[in-house]
């Protein structure tokens, strides 16, 4: 979701936005729930940030530990830099 005046303005390259997500799914294979009736719900929410400085400390720590190159140059990684 975003403010209509920003979304409708062609001069705005990246409008402010929030996101909500709900999805009801059948059991994923990794849950190993074969033969058990039911479903699971995925939920998510968020807000667009202008920099990674706004990301939660736990996320930053995980990225620093597991993906240091990607964290160091996230834009380059997204754009396909080697």
C-alpha atoms as a PDB file:
ATOM      1  CA  UNK A   1       0.000   0.000   0.000  1.00  0.00           C
ATOM      2  CA  UNK A   2       1.197   3.493  -0.661  1.00  0.00           C
ATOM      3  CA  UNK A   3      -0.053   7.073  -0.741  1.00  0.00           C
ATOM      4  CA  UNK A   4      -1.912   7.613  -4.003  1.00  0.00           C
ATOM      5  CA  UNK A   5      -0.393  11.062  -4.706  1.00  0.00           C
ATOM      6  CA  UNK A   6       3.098   9.497  -4.657  1.00  0.00           C
ATOM      7  CA  UNK A   7       2.135   6.395  -6.630  1.00  0.00           C
ATOM      8  CA  UNK A   8       0.337   8.472  -9.283  1.00  0.00           C
ATOM      9  CA  UNK A   9       3.181  10.991  -9.637  1.00  0.00           C
ATOM     10  CA  UNK A  10       5.562   9.952 -12.457  1.00  0.00           C
ATOM     11  CA  UNK A  11       8.299  12.102 -10.895  1.00  0.00           C
ATOM     12  CA  UNK A  12       8.341   9.897  -7.772  1.00  0.00           C
ATOM     13  CA  UNK A  13      10.770   7.062  -8.488  1.00  0.00           C
ATOM     14  CA  UNK A  14      10.030   5.084  -5.306  1.00  0.00           C
ATOM     15  CA  UNK A  15       6.847   5.832  -3.377  1.00  0.00           C
ATOM     16  CA  UNK A  16       6.592   5.142   0.347  1.00  0.00           C
ATOM     17  CA  UNK A  17       4.921   1.789   0.896  1.00  0.00           C
ATOM     18  CA  UNK A  18       3.790  -0.752   3.441  1.00  0.00           C
ATOM     19  CA  UNK A  19       3.160  -4.427   2.829  1.00  0.00           C
ATOM     20  CA  UNK A  20       0.866  -7.037   4.385  1.00  0.00           C
ATOM     21  CA  UNK A  21       0.723 -10.676   3.377  1.00  0.00           C
ATOM     22  CA  UNK A  22      -1.486 -13.599   4.459  1.00  0.00           C
ATOM     23  CA  UNK A  23      -1.575 -16.956   2.724  1.00  0.00           C
ATOM     24  CA  UNK A  24      -3.215 -20.257   3.666  1.00  0.00           C
ATOM     25  CA  UNK A  25      -1.157 -23.159   2.351  1.00  0.00           C
ATOM     26  CA  UNK A  26      -1.227 -26.915   2.218  1.00  0.00           C
ATOM     27  CA  UNK A  27       1.510 -28.613   4.220  1.00  0.00           C
ATOM     28  CA  UNK A  28       4.947 -27.957   2.843  1.00  0.00           C
ATOM     29  CA  UNK A  29       7.011 -31.127   2.313  1.00  0.00           C
ATOM     30  CA  UNK A  30       9.665 -29.991   4.795  1.00  0.00           C
ATOM     31  CA  UNK A  31       7.052 -29.960   7.590  1.00  0.00           C
ATOM     32  CA  UNK A  32       6.706 -33.767   7.228  1.00  0.00           C
ATOM     33  CA  UNK A  33       2.969 -33.661   7.971  1.00  0.00           C
ATOM     34  CA  UNK A  34       2.019 -36.402   5.473  1.00  0.00           C
ATOM     35  CA  UNK A  35      -1.285 -37.973   6.461  1.00  0.00           C
ATOM     36  CA  UNK A  36      -2.221 -35.197   8.902  1.00  0.00           C
ATOM     37  CA  UNK A  37      -5.147 -33.015   7.887  1.00  0.00           C
ATOM     38  CA  UNK A  38      -4.692 -29.267   8.021  1.00  0.00           C
ATOM     39  CA  UNK A  39      -2.992 -26.236   6.601  1.00  0.00           C
ATOM     40  CA  UNK A  40      -0.624 -23.546   7.752  1.00  0.00           C
ATOM     41  CA  UNK A  41      -0.760 -19.780   7.477  1.00  0.00           C
ATOM     42  CA  UNK A  42       2.075 -17.577   6.282  1.00  0.00           C
ATOM     43  CA  UNK A  43       1.979 -13.967   7.390  1.00  0.00           C
ATOM     44  CA  UNK A  44       4.217 -11.041   6.716  1.00  0.00           C
ATOM     45  CA  UNK A  45       4.258  -7.298   7.095  1.00  0.00           C
ATOM     46  CA  UNK A  46       6.725  -4.565   6.436  1.00  0.00           C
ATOM     47  CA  UNK A  47       7.555  -1.084   5.347  1.00  0.00           C
ATOM     48  CA  UNK A  48       9.843   0.188   2.603  1.00  0.00           C
ATOM     49  CA  UNK A  49      13.111   1.525   3.944  1.00  0.00           C
ATOM     50  CA  UNK A  50      15.430   3.991   2.257  1.00  0.00           C
ATOM     51  CA  UNK A  51      18.542   2.307   3.663  1.00  0.00           C
ATOM     52  CA  UNK A  52      19.544  -0.893   5.421  1.00  0.00           C
ATOM     53  CA  UNK A  53      20.258   1.162   8.545  1.00  0.00           C
ATOM     54  CA  UNK A  54      16.585   0.704   9.398  1.00  0.00           C
ATOM     55  CA  UNK A  55      16.751  -3.101   9.327  1.00  0.00           C
ATOM     56  CA  UNK A  56      16.446  -4.985  12.633  1.00  0.00           C
ATOM     57  CA  UNK A  57      19.724  -5.705  14.447  1.00  0.00           C
ATOM     58  CA  UNK A  58      19.073  -9.468  14.314  1.00  0.00           C
ATOM     59  CA  UNK A  59      18.746  -9.373  10.519  1.00  0.00           C
ATOM     60  CA  UNK A  60      21.931  -7.333  10.195  1.00  0.00           C
ATOM     61  CA  UNK A  61      23.809  -9.795  12.430  1.00  0.00           C
ATOM     62  CA  UNK A  62      22.629 -12.770  10.368  1.00  0.00           C
ATOM     63  CA  UNK A  63      23.589 -11.036   7.130  1.00  0.00           C
ATOM     64  CA  UNK A  64      27.002 -10.059   8.519  1.00  0.00           C
ATOM     65  CA  UNK A  65      27.597 -13.677   9.594  1.00  0.00           C
ATOM     66  CA  UNK A  66      26.226 -15.560   6.581  1.00  0.00           C
ATOM     67  CA  UNK A  67      26.341 -13.106   3.667  1.00  0.00           C
ATOM     68  CA  UNK A  68      29.053 -10.524   4.351  1.00  0.00           C
ATOM     69  CA  UNK A  69      29.775  -9.777   0.669  1.00  0.00           C
ATOM     70  CA  UNK A  70      26.111  -9.207  -0.116  1.00  0.00           C
ATOM     71  CA  UNK A  71      25.702  -6.986   2.936  1.00  0.00           C
ATOM     72  CA  UNK A  72      28.775  -4.945   2.027  1.00  0.00           C
ATOM     73  CA  UNK A  73      27.386  -4.167  -1.450  1.00  0.00           C
ATOM     74  CA  UNK A  74      23.680  -5.026  -1.465  1.00  0.00           C
ATOM     75  CA  UNK A  75      22.910  -2.776  -4.417  1.00  0.00           C
ATOM     76  CA  UNK A  76      25.705  -4.328  -6.471  1.00  0.00           C
ATOM     77  CA  UNK A  77      24.491  -7.800  -5.529  1.00  0.00           C
ATOM     78  CA  UNK A  78      20.920  -6.999  -6.578  1.00  0.00           C
ATOM     79  CA  UNK A  79      22.125  -5.490  -9.846  1.00  0.00           C
ATOM     80  CA  UNK A  80      24.230  -8.574 -10.572  1.00  0.00           C
ATOM     81  CA  UNK A  81      27.722  -7.274  -9.823  1.00  0.00           C
ATOM     82  CA  UNK A  82      30.275 -10.041  -9.334  1.00  0.00           C
END
